[in-house]
Amino acid sequence: MPTYEGLSGCLQPQTSGACADNRLDQDVLPLFAGRILPFDLDASRAYADLMVKARASGKAIGNADAYIAATAAANGLTVATRDTGPFAAAGLNTINPWETAS
């Protein structure tokens, strides 16, 4: 899960007390210590590259998937997802954890 998804859920006006408790900081983020990757300059370059290639080939990739794909590409990672299409279109290695290995 991208960190922004957790933060945006926490910042919703109808979310009572979740942020006041700092639940994200205290309970969730420590579980991923050392495993949260930044969207840095290398990821920004990968993002621009894959968006240009996607547009040129007529393949659509949404912004959220593109950020994940760019971070994976910049770090030489395989993306584990059920929705492999956008990431395969970006030229990344993918694994679908819901499929059985052959």
Protein backbone atom coordinates (compact mmCIF):
# COMPACT_ATOMS: atom_id res chain seq x y z
CA MET A 1 0.00 0.00 0.00
CA PRO A 2 1.44 3.37 -0.91
CA THR A 3 1.96 5.53 2.18
CA TYR A 4 -0.21 8.28 0.70
CA GLU A 5 -3.22 5.94 0.78
CA GLY A 6 -2.85 5.43 4.51
CA LEU A 7 -2.29 9.12 5.10
CA SER A 8 -5.20 10.27 2.93
CA GLY A 9 -7.54 7.90 4.75
CA CYS A 10 -6.31 9.23 8.06
CA LEU A 11 -6.87 12.84 7.01
CA GLN A 12 -10.52 12.40 5.98
CA PRO A 13 -12.82 14.68 8.03
CA GLN A 14 -15.09 11.75 8.96
CA THR A 15 -12.17 9.79 10.44
CA SER A 16 -12.64 10.39 14.13
CA GLY A 17 -9.64 9.99 16.34
CA ALA A 18 -7.55 7.83 14.00
CA CYS A 19 -5.04 10.60 13.41
CA ALA A 20 -5.33 11.96 16.93
CA ASP A 21 -4.14 8.57 18.14
CA ASN A 22 -1.32 8.67 15.62
CA ARG A 23 -2.36 5.12 14.73
CA LEU A 24 -0.56 5.26 11.41
CA ASP A 25 2.70 6.38 13.04
CA GLN A 26 2.45 4.07 16.02
CA ASP A 27 0.85 0.91 14.65
CA VAL A 28 1.25 0.74 10.88
CA LEU A 29 4.49 2.38 9.80
CA PRO A 30 6.67 0.46 12.31
CA LEU A 31 5.54 -2.77 10.62
CA PHE A 32 7.20 -1.55 7.43
CA ALA A 33 10.35 0.00 8.93
CA GLY A 34 13.17 -0.11 6.41
CA ARG A 35 10.82 -1.21 3.63
CA ILE A 36 9.19 2.08 2.58
CA LEU A 37 10.80 3.38 -0.58
CA PRO A 38 10.96 7.10 -1.42
CA PHE A 39 9.67 8.60 -4.62
CA ASP A 40 13.01 10.23 -5.37
CA LEU A 41 14.79 11.64 -8.42
CA ASP A 42 15.46 8.19 -9.88
CA ALA A 43 11.78 7.28 -9.49
CA SER A 44 10.79 10.63 -11.05
CA ARG A 45 12.96 9.88 -14.07
CA ALA A 46 11.51 6.37 -14.34
CA TYR A 47 7.98 7.84 -14.07
CA ALA A 48 8.61 10.28 -16.93
CA ASP A 49 10.16 7.54 -19.06
CA LEU A 50 7.36 5.04 -18.58
CA MET A 51 4.63 7.65 -19.12
CA VAL A 52 6.22 8.72 -22.41
CA LYS A 53 6.53 5.09 -23.52
CA ALA A 54 2.95 4.29 -22.45
CA ARG A 55 1.54 7.25 -24.37
CA ALA A 56 3.61 6.43 -27.45
CA SER A 57 2.34 2.84 -27.46
CA GLY A 58 -1.26 3.88 -26.76
CA LYS A 59 -1.33 2.05 -23.43
CA ALA A 60 -2.95 3.79 -20.51
CA ILE A 61 -1.49 3.68 -17.02
CA GLY A 62 -3.09 5.59 -14.15
CA ASN A 63 -1.06 7.94 -12.01
CA ALA A 64 -1.14 5.78 -8.87
CA ASP A 65 -0.01 2.69 -10.79
CA ALA A 66 2.62 4.78 -12.57
CA TYR A 67 4.08 5.97 -9.25
CA ILE A 68 4.28 2.38 -8.01
CA ALA A 69 5.74 1.22 -11.33
CA ALA A 70 8.33 4.00 -11.35
CA THR A 71 9.41 3.23 -7.79
CA ALA A 72 9.73 -0.45 -8.67
CA ALA A 73 11.66 0.32 -11.86
CA ALA A 74 14.05 2.69 -10.08
CA ASN A 75 14.81 0.02 -7.49
CA GLY A 76 14.92 -3.02 -9.81
CA LEU A 77 11.90 -4.65 -8.15
CA THR A 78 9.14 -6.99 -9.28
CA VAL A 79 5.59 -5.78 -8.60
CA ALA A 80 3.28 -8.20 -6.80
CA THR A 81 -0.30 -7.35 -7.78
CA ARG A 82 -3.51 -8.88 -8.99
CA ASP A 83 -3.81 -6.19 -11.67
CA THR A 84 -0.67 -6.98 -13.67
CA GLY A 85 -1.74 -5.19 -16.87
CA PRO A 86 -0.55 -1.64 -16.16
CA PHE A 87 2.78 -2.86 -14.81
CA ALA A 88 3.39 -5.25 -17.69
CA ALA A 89 2.56 -2.35 -20.03
CA ALA A 90 5.28 -0.37 -18.24
CA GLY A 91 7.73 -3.19 -18.99
CA LEU A 92 8.06 -4.39 -15.40
CA ASN A 93 8.29 -7.91 -14.09
CA THR A 94 5.11 -8.81 -12.22
CA ILE A 95 3.84 -11.62 -10.08
CA ASN A 96 0.17 -12.25 -9.37
CA PRO A 97 -0.08 -13.73 -5.86
CA TRP A 98 -3.63 -14.93 -6.63
CA GLU A 99 -2.47 -17.25 -9.42
CA THR A 100 -0.97 -20.66 -8.85
CA ALA A 101 2.57 -21.25 -10.02
CA SER A 102 2.94 -23.47 -13.06
